[in-house]
Amino acid sequence: PAPYRAALGYRNKQIAVLFQVPYSMPVAD
């Protein structure tokens, strides 16, 4: 909708991904 176009007006060629580490994930992973 028109009111939100400025906020969503970019076109990223890439998105960096946050790699999530929960409590029990081994550090080796």
mmCIF file of all heavy atoms, coordinates in Angstrom:
data_MODEL
# 
_entry.id   MODEL 
# 
loop_
_atom_site.group_PDB 
_atom_site.id 
_atom_site.type_symbol 
_atom_site.label_atom_id 
_atom_site.label_alt_id 
_atom_site.label_comp_id 
_atom_site.label_asym_id 
_atom_site.label_entity_id 
_atom_site.label_seq_id 
_atom_site.pdbx_PDB_ins_code 
_atom_site.Cartn_x 
_atom_site.Cartn_y 
_atom_site.Cartn_z 
_atom_site.occupancy 
_atom_site.B_iso_or_equiv 
_atom_site.pdbx_formal_charge 
_atom_site.auth_seq_id 
_atom_site.auth_comp_id 
_atom_site.auth_asym_id 
_atom_site.auth_atom_id 
_atom_site.pdbx_PDB_model_num 
ATOM 1   N N   . PRO A 1 1  ? 0.828  -1.210  0.000  1.00 0.00 ? 1  PRO A N   1 
ATOM 2   C CA  . PRO A 1 1  ? 0.000  0.000   0.000  1.00 0.00 ? 1  PRO A CA  1 
ATOM 3   C C   . PRO A 1 1  ? 0.863  1.261   0.000  1.00 0.00 ? 1  PRO A C   1 
ATOM 4   O O   . PRO A 1 1  ? 1.991  1.276   0.514  1.00 0.00 ? 1  PRO A O   1 
ATOM 5   C CB  . PRO A 1 1  ? -0.807 -0.123  1.305  1.00 0.00 ? 1  PRO A CB  1 
ATOM 6   C CG  . PRO A 1 1  ? -0.823 -1.595  1.600  1.00 0.00 ? 1  PRO A CG  1 
ATOM 7   C CD  . PRO A 1 1  ? 0.518  -2.091  1.140  1.00 0.00 ? 1  PRO A CD  1 
ATOM 8   N N   . ALA A 1 2  ? 0.336  2.315   -0.581 1.00 0.00 ? 2  ALA A N   1 
ATOM 9   C CA  . ALA A 1 2  ? 1.096  3.553   -0.780 1.00 0.00 ? 2  ALA A CA  1 
ATOM 10  C C   . ALA A 1 2  ? 1.796  4.072   0.471  1.00 0.00 ? 2  ALA A C   1 
ATOM 11  O O   . ALA A 1 2  ? 2.949  4.512   0.394  1.00 0.00 ? 2  ALA A O   1 
ATOM 12  C CB  . ALA A 1 2  ? 0.170  4.623   -1.361 1.00 0.00 ? 2  ALA A CB  1 
ATOM 13  N N   . PRO A 1 3  ? 1.188  4.060   1.664  1.00 0.00 ? 3  PRO A N   1 
ATOM 14  C CA  . PRO A 1 3  ? 1.867  4.636   2.827  1.00 0.00 ? 3  PRO A CA  1 
ATOM 15  C C   . PRO A 1 3  ? 3.175  3.943   3.210  1.00 0.00 ? 3  PRO A C   1 
ATOM 16  O O   . PRO A 1 3  ? 3.979  4.524   3.949  1.00 0.00 ? 3  PRO A O   1 
ATOM 17  C CB  . PRO A 1 3  ? 0.832  4.481   3.949  1.00 0.00 ? 3  PRO A CB  1 
ATOM 18  C CG  . PRO A 1 3  ? -0.486 4.380   3.261  1.00 0.00 ? 3  PRO A CG  1 
ATOM 19  C CD  . PRO A 1 3  ? -0.184 3.639   1.999  1.00 0.00 ? 3  PRO A CD  1 
ATOM 20  N N   . TYR A 1 4  ? 3.402  2.720   2.715  1.00 0.00 ? 4  TYR A N   1 
ATOM 21  C CA  . TYR A 1 4  ? 4.555  1.940   3.159  1.00 0.00 ? 4  TYR A CA  1 
ATOM 22  C C   . TYR A 1 4  ? 5.619  1.779   2.075  1.00 0.00 ? 4  TYR A C   1 
ATOM 23  O O   . TYR A 1 4  ? 6.639  1.126   2.296  1.00 0.00 ? 4  TYR A O   1 
ATOM 24  C CB  . TYR A 1 4  ? 4.085  0.553   3.634  1.00 0.00 ? 4  TYR A CB  1 
ATOM 25  C CG  . TYR A 1 4  ? 2.922  0.673   4.582  1.00 0.00 ? 4  TYR A CG  1 
ATOM 26  C CD1 . TYR A 1 4  ? 1.626  0.365   4.174  1.00 0.00 ? 4  TYR A CD1 1 
ATOM 27  C CD2 . TYR A 1 4  ? 3.099  1.161   5.877  1.00 0.00 ? 4  TYR A CD2 1 
ATOM 28  C CE1 . TYR A 1 4  ? 0.548  0.519   5.029  1.00 0.00 ? 4  TYR A CE1 1 
ATOM 29  C CE2 . TYR A 1 4  ? 2.021  1.321   6.737  1.00 0.00 ? 4  TYR A CE2 1 
ATOM 30  C CZ  . TYR A 1 4  ? 0.755  0.993   6.305  1.00 0.00 ? 4  TYR A CZ  1 
ATOM 31  O OH  . TYR A 1 4  ? -0.324 1.172   7.151  1.00 0.00 ? 4  TYR A OH  1 
ATOM 32  N N   . ARG A 1 5  ? 5.417  2.402   0.920  1.00 0.00 ? 5  ARG A N   1 
ATOM 33  C CA  . ARG A 1 5  ? 6.339  2.199   -0.196 1.00 0.00 ? 5  ARG A CA  1 
ATOM 34  C C   . ARG A 1 5  ? 7.704  2.832   0.032  1.00 0.00 ? 5  ARG A C   1 
ATOM 35  O O   . ARG A 1 5  ? 8.728  2.280   -0.372 1.00 0.00 ? 5  ARG A O   1 
ATOM 36  C CB  . ARG A 1 5  ? 5.714  2.734   -1.483 1.00 0.00 ? 5  ARG A CB  1 
ATOM 37  C CG  . ARG A 1 5  ? 4.510  1.918   -1.919 1.00 0.00 ? 5  ARG A CG  1 
ATOM 38  C CD  . ARG A 1 5  ? 3.822  2.506   -3.121 1.00 0.00 ? 5  ARG A CD  1 
ATOM 39  N NE  . ARG A 1 5  ? 2.543  1.841   -3.360 1.00 0.00 ? 5  ARG A NE  1 
ATOM 40  C CZ  . ARG A 1 5  ? 1.622  2.281   -4.205 1.00 0.00 ? 5  ARG A CZ  1 
ATOM 41  N NH1 . ARG A 1 5  ? 1.834  3.389   -4.894 1.00 0.00 ? 5  ARG A NH1 1 
ATOM 42  N NH2 . ARG A 1 5  ? 0.495  1.613   -4.355 1.00 0.00 ? 5  ARG A NH2 1 
ATOM 43  N N   . ALA A 1 6  ? 7.749  3.976   0.690  1.00 0.00 ? 6  ALA A N   1 
ATOM 44  C CA  . ALA A 1 6  ? 9.048  4.613   0.943  1.00 0.00 ? 6  ALA A CA  1 
ATOM 45  C C   . ALA A 1 6  ? 9.896  3.744   1.868  1.00 0.00 ? 6  ALA A C   1 
ATOM 46  O O   . ALA A 1 6  ? 11.101 3.577   1.658  1.00 0.00 ? 6  ALA A O   1 
ATOM 47  C CB  . ALA A 1 6  ? 8.847  5.999   1.543  1.00 0.00 ? 6  ALA A CB  1 
ATOM 48  N N   . ALA A 1 7  ? 9.278  3.169   2.896  1.00 0.00 ? 7  ALA A N   1 
ATOM 49  C CA  . ALA A 1 7  ? 10.014 2.328   3.847  1.00 0.00 ? 7  ALA A CA  1 
ATOM 50  C C   . ALA A 1 7  ? 10.507 1.048   3.203  1.00 0.00 ? 7  ALA A C   1 
ATOM 51  O O   . ALA A 1 7  ? 11.529 0.485   3.622  1.00 0.00 ? 7  ALA A O   1 
ATOM 52  C CB  . ALA A 1 7  ? 9.124  2.001   5.039  1.00 0.00 ? 7  ALA A CB  1 
ATOM 53  N N   . LEU A 1 8  ? 9.791  0.562   2.179  1.00 0.00 ? 8  LEU A N   1 
ATOM 54  C CA  . LEU A 1 8  ? 10.146 -0.678  1.502  1.00 0.00 ? 8  LEU A CA  1 
ATOM 55  C C   . LEU A 1 8  ? 10.576 -0.390  0.073  1.00 0.00 ? 8  LEU A C   1 
ATOM 56  O O   . LEU A 1 8  ? 10.265 -1.131  -0.853 1.00 0.00 ? 8  LEU A O   1 
ATOM 57  C CB  . LEU A 1 8  ? 8.962  -1.653  1.538  1.00 0.00 ? 8  LEU A CB  1 
ATOM 58  C CG  . LEU A 1 8  ? 8.488  -2.031  2.952  1.00 0.00 ? 8  LEU A CG  1 
ATOM 59  C CD1 . LEU A 1 8  ? 7.257  -2.921  2.879  1.00 0.00 ? 8  LEU A CD1 1 
ATOM 60  C CD2 . LEU A 1 8  ? 9.598  -2.717  3.726  1.00 0.00 ? 8  LEU A CD2 1 
ATOM 61  N N   . GLY A 1 9  ? 11.331 0.691   -0.094 1.00 0.00 ? 9  GLY A N   1 
ATOM 62  C CA  . GLY A 1 9  ? 11.718 1.145   -1.421 1.00 0.00 ? 9  GLY A CA  1 
ATOM 63  C C   . GLY A 1 9  ? 13.106 0.747   -1.862 1.00 0.00 ? 9  GLY A C   1 
ATOM 64  O O   . GLY A 1 9  ? 13.572 1.238   -2.885 1.00 0.00 ? 9  GLY A O   1 
ATOM 65  N N   . TYR A 1 10 ? 13.778 -0.113  -1.118 1.00 0.00 ? 10 TYR A N   1 
ATOM 66  C CA  . TYR A 1 10 ? 15.131 -0.524  -1.466 1.00 0.00 ? 10 TYR A CA  1 
ATOM 67  C C   . TYR A 1 10 ? 15.120 -1.861  -2.189 1.00 0.00 ? 10 TYR A C   1 
ATOM 68  O O   . TYR A 1 10 ? 14.143 -2.608  -2.116 1.00 0.00 ? 10 TYR A O   1 
ATOM 69  C CB  . TYR A 1 10 ? 15.996 -0.608  -0.199 1.00 0.00 ? 10 TYR A CB  1 
ATOM 70  C CG  . TYR A 1 10 ? 16.197 0.727   0.469  1.00 0.00 ? 10 TYR A CG  1 
ATOM 71  C CD1 . TYR A 1 10 ? 15.231 1.235   1.334  1.00 0.00 ? 10 TYR A CD1 1 
ATOM 72  C CD2 . TYR A 1 10 ? 17.327 1.497   0.219  1.00 0.00 ? 10 TYR A CD2 1 
ATOM 73  C CE1 . TYR A 1 10 ? 15.388 2.477   1.934  1.00 0.00 ? 10 TYR A CE1 1 
ATOM 74  C CE2 . TYR A 1 10 ? 17.496 2.739   0.813  1.00 0.00 ? 10 TYR A CE2 1 
ATOM 75  C CZ  . TYR A 1 10 ? 16.527 3.222   1.667  1.00 0.00 ? 10 TYR A CZ  1 
ATOM 76  O OH  . TYR A 1 10 ? 16.682 4.445   2.255  1.00 0.00 ? 10 TYR A OH  1 
ATOM 77  N N   . ARG A 1 11 ? 16.198 -2.150  -2.896 1.00 0.00 ? 11 ARG A N   1 
ATOM 78  C CA  . ARG A 1 11 ? 16.339 -3.431  -3.585 1.00 0.00 ? 11 ARG A CA  1 
ATOM 79  C C   . ARG A 1 11 ? 17.726 -3.979  -3.280 1.00 0.00 ? 11 ARG A C   1 
ATOM 80  O O   . ARG A 1 11 ? 18.683 -3.746  -4.019 1.00 0.00 ? 11 ARG A O   1 
ATOM 81  C CB  . ARG A 1 11 ? 16.145 -3.271  -5.099 1.00 0.00 ? 11 ARG A CB  1 
ATOM 82  C CG  . ARG A 1 11 ? 14.755 -2.817  -5.522 1.00 0.00 ? 11 ARG A CG  1 
ATOM 83  C CD  . ARG A 1 11 ? 13.693 -3.859  -5.199 1.00 0.00 ? 11 ARG A CD  1 
ATOM 84  N NE  . ARG A 1 11 ? 12.380 -3.329  -5.503 1.00 0.00 ? 11 ARG A NE  1 
ATOM 85  C CZ  . ARG A 1 11 ? 11.625 -2.639  -4.660 1.00 0.00 ? 11 ARG A CZ  1 
ATOM 86  N NH1 . ARG A 1 11 ? 12.072 -2.402  -3.433 1.00 0.00 ? 11 ARG A NH1 1 
ATOM 87  N NH2 . ARG A 1 11 ? 10.457 -2.169  -5.009 1.00 0.00 ? 11 ARG A NH2 1 
ATOM 88  N N   . ASN A 1 12 ? 17.850 -4.667  -2.164 1.00 0.00 ? 12 ASN A N   1 
ATOM 89  C CA  . ASN A 1 12 ? 19.138 -5.252  -1.805 1.00 0.00 ? 12 ASN A CA  1 
ATOM 90  C C   . ASN A 1 12 ? 19.475 -6.409  -2.734 1.00 0.00 ? 12 ASN A C   1 
ATOM 91  O O   . ASN A 1 12 ? 18.629 -7.257  -3.012 1.00 0.00 ? 12 ASN A O   1 
ATOM 92  C CB  . ASN A 1 12 ? 19.101 -5.748  -0.364 1.00 0.00 ? 12 ASN A CB  1 
ATOM 93  C CG  . ASN A 1 12 ? 19.110 -4.620  0.646  1.00 0.00 ? 12 ASN A CG  1 
ATOM 94  O OD1 . ASN A 1 12 ? 20.091 -3.897  0.756  1.00 0.00 ? 12 ASN A OD1 1 
ATOM 95  N ND2 . ASN A 1 12 ? 18.019 -4.457  1.379  1.00 0.00 ? 12 ASN A ND2 1 
ATOM 96  N N   . LYS A 1 13 ? 20.716 -6.423  -3.206 1.00 0.00 ? 13 LYS A N   1 
ATOM 97  C CA  . LYS A 1 13 ? 21.168 -7.534  -4.025 1.00 0.00 ? 13 LYS A CA  1 
ATOM 98  C C   . LYS A 1 13 ? 21.557 -8.737  -3.180 1.00 0.00 ? 13 LYS A C   1 
ATOM 99  O O   . LYS A 1 13 ? 21.600 -9.865  -3.671 1.00 0.00 ? 13 LYS A O   1 
ATOM 100 C CB  . LYS A 1 13 ? 22.357 -7.097  -4.884 1.00 0.00 ? 13 LYS A CB  1 
ATOM 101 C CG  . LYS A 1 13 ? 22.003 -6.055  -5.935 1.00 0.00 ? 13 LYS A CG  1 
ATOM 102 C CD  . LYS A 1 13 ? 23.224 -5.691  -6.760 1.00 0.00 ? 13 LYS A CD  1 
ATOM 103 C CE  . LYS A 1 13 ? 22.883 -4.649  -7.813 1.00 0.00 ? 13 LYS A CE  1 
ATOM 104 N NZ  . LYS A 1 13 ? 24.084 -4.261  -8.602 1.00 0.00 ? 13 LYS A NZ  1 
ATOM 105 N N   . GLN A 1 14 ? 21.831 -8.477  -1.899 1.00 0.00 ? 14 GLN A N   1 
ATOM 106 C CA  . GLN A 1 14 ? 22.172 -9.548  -0.982 1.00 0.00 ? 14 GLN A CA  1 
ATOM 107 C C   . GLN A 1 14 ? 21.546 -9.283  0.384  1.00 0.00 ? 14 GLN A C   1 
ATOM 108 O O   . GLN A 1 14 ? 21.288 -8.133  0.750  1.00 0.00 ? 14 GLN A O   1 
ATOM 109 C CB  . GLN A 1 14 ? 23.699 -9.659  -0.810 1.00 0.00 ? 14 GLN A CB  1 
ATOM 110 C CG  . GLN A 1 14 ? 24.437 -10.141 -2.044 1.00 0.00 ? 14 GLN A CG  1 
ATOM 111 C CD  . GLN A 1 14 ? 25.928 -10.246 -1.777 1.00 0.00 ? 14 GLN A CD  1 
ATOM 112 O OE1 . GLN A 1 14 ? 26.550 -9.326  -1.265 1.00 0.00 ? 14 GLN A OE1 1 
ATOM 113 N NE2 . GLN A 1 14 ? 26.518 -11.387 -2.131 1.00 0.00 ? 14 GLN A NE2 1 
ATOM 114 N N   . ILE A 1 15 ? 21.316 -10.374 1.114  1.00 0.00 ? 15 ILE A N   1 
ATOM 115 C CA  . ILE A 1 15 ? 20.877 -10.293 2.508  1.00 0.00 ? 15 ILE A CA  1 
ATOM 116 C C   . ILE A 1 15 ? 21.838 -11.134 3.342  1.00 0.00 ? 15 ILE A C   1 
ATOM 117 O O   . ILE A 1 15 ? 22.015 -12.330 3.079  1.00 0.00 ? 15 ILE A O   1 
ATOM 118 C CB  . ILE A 1 15 ? 19.443 -10.825 2.694  1.00 0.00 ? 15 ILE A CB  1 
ATOM 119 C CG1 . ILE A 1 15 ? 18.438 -9.998  1.883  1.00 0.00 ? 15 ILE A CG1 1 
ATOM 120 C CG2 . ILE A 1 15 ? 19.055 -10.806 4.167  1.00 0.00 ? 15 ILE A CG2 1 
ATOM 121 C CD1 . ILE A 1 15 ? 17.018 -10.545 1.940  1.00 0.00 ? 15 ILE A CD1 1 
ATOM 122 N N   . ALA A 1 16 ? 22.461 -10.507 4.324  1.00 0.00 ? 16 ALA A N   1 
ATOM 123 C CA  . ALA A 1 16 ? 23.318 -11.249 5.242  1.00 0.00 ? 16 ALA A CA  1 
ATOM 124 C C   . ALA A 1 16 ? 22.451 -12.068 6.190  1.00 0.00 ? 16 ALA A C   1 
ATOM 125 O O   . ALA A 1 16 ? 21.411 -11.600 6.645  1.00 0.00 ? 16 ALA A O   1 
ATOM 126 C CB  . ALA A 1 16 ? 24.199 -10.280 6.029  1.00 0.00 ? 16 ALA A CB  1 
ATOM 127 N N   . VAL A 1 17 ? 22.896 -13.274 6.492  1.00 0.00 ? 17 VAL A N   1 
ATOM 128 C CA  . VAL A 1 17 ? 22.117 -14.195 7.319  1.00 0.00 ? 17 VAL A CA  1 
ATOM 129 C C   . VAL A 1 17 ? 22.755 -14.331 8.700  1.00 0.00 ? 17 VAL A C   1 
ATOM 130 O O   . VAL A 1 17 ? 23.941 -14.657 8.822  1.00 0.00 ? 17 VAL A O   1 
ATOM 131 C CB  . VAL A 1 17 ? 22.012 -15.585 6.652  1.00 0.00 ? 17 VAL A CB  1 
ATOM 132 C CG1 . VAL A 1 17 ? 21.247 -16.556 7.553  1.00 0.00 ? 17 VAL A CG1 1 
ATOM 133 C CG2 . VAL A 1 17 ? 21.327 -15.461 5.298  1.00 0.00 ? 17 VAL A CG2 1 
ATOM 134 N N   . LEU A 1 18 ? 21.958 -14.062 9.717  1.00 0.00 ? 18 LEU A N   1 
ATOM 135 C CA  . LEU A 1 18 ? 22.385 -14.298 11.091 1.00 0.00 ? 18 LEU A CA  1 
ATOM 136 C C   . LEU A 1 18 ? 22.363 -15.796 11.367 1.00 0.00 ? 18 LEU A C   1 
ATOM 137 O O   . LEU A 1 18 ? 21.326 -16.443 11.201 1.00 0.00 ? 18 LEU A O   1 
ATOM 138 C CB  . LEU A 1 18 ? 21.435 -13.603 12.069 1.00 0.00 ? 18 LEU A CB  1 
ATOM 139 C CG  . LEU A 1 18 ? 21.433 -12.072 12.070 1.00 0.00 ? 18 LEU A CG  1 
ATOM 140 C CD1 . LEU A 1 18 ? 20.092 -11.552 12.580 1.00 0.00 ? 18 LEU A CD1 1 
ATOM 141 C CD2 . LEU A 1 18 ? 22.554 -11.547 12.938 1.00 0.00 ? 18 LEU A CD2 1 
ATOM 142 N N   . PHE A 1 19 ? 23.496 -16.340 11.791 1.00 0.00 ? 19 PHE A N   1 
ATOM 143 C CA  . PHE A 1 19 ? 23.559 -17.761 12.133 1.00 0.00 ? 19 PHE A CA  1 
ATOM 144 C C   . PHE A 1 19 ? 23.272 -17.901 13.615 1.00 0.00 ? 19 PHE A C   1 
ATOM 145 O O   . PHE A 1 19 ? 24.031 -17.426 14.464 1.00 0.00 ? 19 PHE A O   1 
ATOM 146 C CB  . PHE A 1 19 ? 24.937 -18.339 11.800 1.00 0.00 ? 19 PHE A CB  1 
ATOM 147 C CG  . PHE A 1 19 ? 25.051 -19.808 12.102 1.00 0.00 ? 19 PHE A CG  1 
ATOM 148 C CD1 . PHE A 1 19 ? 24.656 -20.752 11.160 1.00 0.00 ? 19 PHE A CD1 1 
ATOM 149 C CD2 . PHE A 1 19 ? 25.538 -20.247 13.326 1.00 0.00 ? 19 PHE A CD2 1 
ATOM 150 C CE1 . PHE A 1 19 ? 24.760 -22.114 11.433 1.00 0.00 ? 19 PHE A CE1 1 
ATOM 151 C CE2 . PHE A 1 19 ? 25.635 -21.603 13.613 1.00 0.00 ? 19 PHE A CE2 1 
ATOM 152 C CZ  . PHE A 1 19 ? 25.247 -22.539 12.664 1.00 0.00 ? 19 PHE A CZ  1 
ATOM 153 N N   . GLN A 1 20 ? 22.158 -18.569 13.947 1.00 0.00 ? 20 GLN A N   1 
ATOM 154 C CA  . GLN A 1 20 ? 21.726 -18.626 15.334 1.00 0.00 ? 20 GLN A CA  1 
ATOM 155 C C   . GLN A 1 20 ? 22.413 -19.746 16.105 1.00 0.00 ? 20 GLN A C   1 
ATOM 156 O O   . GLN A 1 20 ? 22.518 -20.876 15.627 1.00 0.00 ? 20 GLN A O   1 
ATOM 157 C CB  . GLN A 1 20 ? 20.217 -18.816 15.427 1.00 0.00 ? 20 GLN A CB  1 
ATOM 158 C CG  . GLN A 1 20 ? 19.702 -18.723 16.856 1.00 0.00 ? 20 GLN A CG  1 
ATOM 159 C CD  . GLN A 1 20 ? 18.225 -19.023 16.937 1.00 0.00 ? 20 GLN A CD  1 
ATOM 160 O OE1 . GLN A 1 20 ? 17.844 -20.162 17.110 1.00 0.00 ? 20 GLN A OE1 1 
ATOM 161 N NE2 . GLN A 1 20 ? 17.408 -18.004 16.815 1.00 0.00 ? 20 GLN A NE2 1 
ATOM 162 N N   . VAL A 1 21 ? 22.849 -19.406 17.327 1.00 0.00 ? 21 VAL A N   1 
ATOM 163 C CA  . VAL A 1 21 ? 23.515 -20.363 18.207 1.00 0.00 ? 21 VAL A CA  1 
ATOM 164 C C   . VAL A 1 21 ? 22.678 -20.530 19.473 1.00 0.00 ? 21 VAL A C   1 
ATOM 165 O O   . VAL A 1 21 ? 22.755 -19.718 20.397 1.00 0.00 ? 21 VAL A O   1 
ATOM 166 C CB  . VAL A 1 21 ? 24.932 -19.885 18.571 1.00 0.00 ? 21 VAL A CB  1 
ATOM 167 C CG1 . VAL A 1 21 ? 25.635 -20.923 19.444 1.00 0.00 ? 21 VAL A CG1 1 
ATOM 168 C CG2 . VAL A 1 21 ? 25.748 -19.618 17.308 1.00 0.00 ? 21 VAL A CG2 1 
ATOM 169 N N   . PRO A 1 22 ? 21.846 -21.570 19.554 1.00 0.00 ? 22 PRO A N   1 
ATOM 170 C CA  . PRO A 1 22 ? 21.063 -21.814 20.778 1.00 0.00 ? 22 PRO A CA  1 
ATOM 171 C C   . PRO A 1 22 ? 21.935 -22.325 21.908 1.00 0.00 ? 22 PRO A C   1 
ATOM 172 O O   . PRO A 1 22 ? 23.119 -22.621 21.723 1.00 0.00 ? 22 PRO A O   1 
ATOM 173 C CB  . PRO A 1 22 ? 20.030 -22.850 20.327 1.00 0.00 ? 22 PRO A CB  1 
ATOM 174 C CG  . PRO A 1 22 ? 20.656 -23.532 19.154 1.00 0.00 ? 22 PRO A CG  1 
ATOM 175 C CD  . PRO A 1 22 ? 21.538 -22.530 18.488 1.00 0.00 ? 22 PRO A CD  1 
ATOM 176 N N   . TYR A 1 23 ? 21.339 -22.460 23.083 1.00 0.00 ? 23 TYR A N   1 
ATOM 177 C CA  . TYR A 1 23 ? 22.083 -22.820 24.289 1.00 0.00 ? 23 TYR A CA  1 
ATOM 178 C C   . TYR A 1 23 ? 22.924 -24.082 24.125 1.00 0.00 ? 23 TYR A C   1 
ATOM 179 O O   . TYR A 1 23 ? 24.048 -24.171 24.618 1.00 0.00 ? 23 TYR A O   1 
ATOM 180 C CB  . TYR A 1 23 ? 21.131 -23.052 25.471 1.00 0.00 ? 23 TYR A CB  1 
ATOM 181 C CG  . TYR A 1 23 ? 20.187 -21.939 25.804 1.00 0.00 ? 23 TYR A CG  1 
ATOM 182 C CD1 . TYR A 1 23 ? 18.876 -22.209 26.213 1.00 0.00 ? 23 TYR A CD1 1 
ATOM 183 C CD2 . TYR A 1 23 ? 20.570 -20.599 25.737 1.00 0.00 ? 23 TYR A CD2 1 
ATOM 184 C CE1 . TYR A 1 23 ? 17.994 -21.200 26.548 1.00 0.00 ? 23 TYR A CE1 1 
ATOM 185 C CE2 . TYR A 1 23 ? 19.702 -19.580 26.057 1.00 0.00 ? 23 TYR A CE2 1 
ATOM 186 C CZ  . TYR A 1 23 ? 18.402 -19.881 26.463 1.00 0.00 ? 23 TYR A CZ  1 
ATOM 187 O OH  . TYR A 1 23 ? 17.528 -18.881 26.780 1.00 0.00 ? 23 TYR A OH  1 
ATOM 188 N N   . SER A 1 24 ? 22.360 -25.077 23.462 1.00 0.00 ? 24 SER A N   1 
ATOM 189 C CA  . SER A 1 24 ? 22.988 -26.403 23.469 1.00 0.00 ? 24 SER A CA  1 
ATOM 190 C C   . SER A 1 24 ? 23.822 -26.708 22.228 1.00 0.00 ? 24 SER A C   1 
ATOM 191 O O   . SER A 1 24 ? 24.370 -27.813 22.118 1.00 0.00 ? 24 SER A O   1 
ATOM 192 C CB  . SER A 1 24 ? 21.911 -27.488 23.624 1.00 0.00 ? 24 SER A CB  1 
ATOM 193 O OG  . SER A 1 24 ? 20.956 -27.389 22.580 1.00 0.00 ? 24 SER A OG  1 
ATOM 194 N N   . MET A 1 25 ? 23.968 -25.771 21.313 1.00 0.00 ? 25 MET A N   1 
ATOM 195 C CA  . MET A 1 25 ? 24.731 -26.067 20.099 1.00 0.00 ? 25 MET A CA  1 
ATOM 196 C C   . MET A 1 25 ? 26.220 -26.222 20.422 1.00 0.00 ? 25 MET A C   1 
ATOM 197 O O   . MET A 1 25 ? 26.824 -25.352 21.060 1.00 0.00 ? 25 MET A O   1 
ATOM 198 C CB  . MET A 1 25 ? 24.555 -24.959 19.061 1.00 0.00 ? 25 MET A CB  1 
ATOM 199 C CG  . MET A 1 25 ? 25.394 -25.164 17.807 1.00 0.00 ? 25 MET A CG  1 
ATOM 200 S SD  . MET A 1 25 ? 25.134 -23.907 16.543 1.00 0.00 ? 25 MET A SD  1 
ATOM 201 C CE  . MET A 1 25 ? 23.559 -24.447 15.862 1.00 0.00 ? 25 MET A CE  1 
ATOM 202 N N   . PRO A 1 26 ? 26.843 -27.296 19.969 1.00 0.00 ? 26 PRO A N   1 
ATOM 203 C CA  . PRO A 1 26 ? 28.286 -27.452 20.183 1.00 0.00 ? 26 PRO A CA  1 
ATOM 204 C C   . PRO A 1 26 ? 29.063 -26.326 19.499 1.00 0.00 ? 26 PRO A C   1 
ATOM 205 O O   . PRO A 1 26 ? 28.721 -25.897 18.386 1.00 0.00 ? 26 PRO A O   1 
ATOM 206 C CB  . PRO A 1 26 ? 28.592 -28.807 19.530 1.00 0.00 ? 26 PRO A CB  1 
ATOM 207 C CG  . PRO A 1 26 ? 27.284 -29.531 19.512 1.00 0.00 ? 26 PRO A CG  1 
ATOM 208 C CD  . PRO A 1 26 ? 26.248 -28.473 19.313 1.00 0.00 ? 26 PRO A CD  1 
ATOM 209 N N   . VAL A 1 27 ? 30.111 -25.858 20.157 1.00 0.00 ? 27 VAL A N   1 
ATOM 210 C CA  . VAL A 1 27 ? 30.925 -24.781 19.584 1.00 0.00 ? 27 VAL A CA  1 
ATOM 211 C C   . VAL A 1 27 ? 31.544 -25.223 18.261 1.00 0.00 ? 27 VAL A C   1 
ATOM 212 O O   . VAL A 1 27 ? 31.734 -24.406 17.344 1.00 0.00 ? 27 VAL A O   1 
ATOM 213 C CB  . VAL A 1 27 ? 32.003 -24.337 20.590 1.00 0.00 ? 27 VAL A CB  1 
ATOM 214 C CG1 . VAL A 1 27 ? 32.963 -23.331 19.955 1.00 0.00 ? 27 VAL A CG1 1 
ATOM 215 C CG2 . VAL A 1 27 ? 31.353 -23.718 21.830 1.00 0.00 ? 27 VAL A CG2 1 
ATOM 216 N N   . ALA A 1 28 ? 31.822 -26.506 18.118 1.00 0.00 ? 28 ALA A N   1 
ATOM 217 C CA  . ALA A 1 28 ? 32.375 -27.016 16.860 1.00 0.00 ? 28 ALA A CA  1 
ATOM 218 C C   . ALA A 1 28 ? 31.437 -26.739 15.687 1.00 0.00 ? 28 ALA A C   1 
ATOM 219 O O   . ALA A 1 28 ? 31.893 -26.486 14.560 1.00 0.00 ? 28 ALA A O   1 
ATOM 220 C CB  . ALA A 1 28 ? 32.644 -28.519 16.976 1.00 0.00 ? 28 ALA A CB  1 
ATOM 221 N N   . ASP A 1 29 ? 30.126 -26.763 15.944 1.00 0.00 ? 29 ASP A N   1 
ATOM 222 C CA  . ASP A 1 29 ? 29.160 -26.469 14.887 1.00 0.00 ? 29 ASP A CA  1 
ATOM 223 C C   . ASP A 1 29 ? 29.205 -24.985 14.505 1.00 0.00 ? 29 ASP A C   1 
ATOM 224 O O   . ASP A 1 29 ? 28.969 -24.630 13.343 1.00 0.00 ? 29 ASP A O   1 
ATOM 225 C CB  . ASP A 1 29 ? 27.745 -26.839 15.335 1.00 0.00 ? 29 ASP A CB  1 
ATOM 226 C CG  . ASP A 1 29 ? 27.531 -28.344 15.418 1.00 0.00 ? 29 ASP A CG  1 
ATOM 227 O OD1 . ASP A 1 29 ? 28.471 -29.095 15.086 1.00 0.00 ? 29 ASP A OD1 1 
ATOM 228 O OD2 . ASP A 1 29 ? 26.437 -28.764 15.811 1.00 0.00 ? 29 ASP A OD2 1 
# 
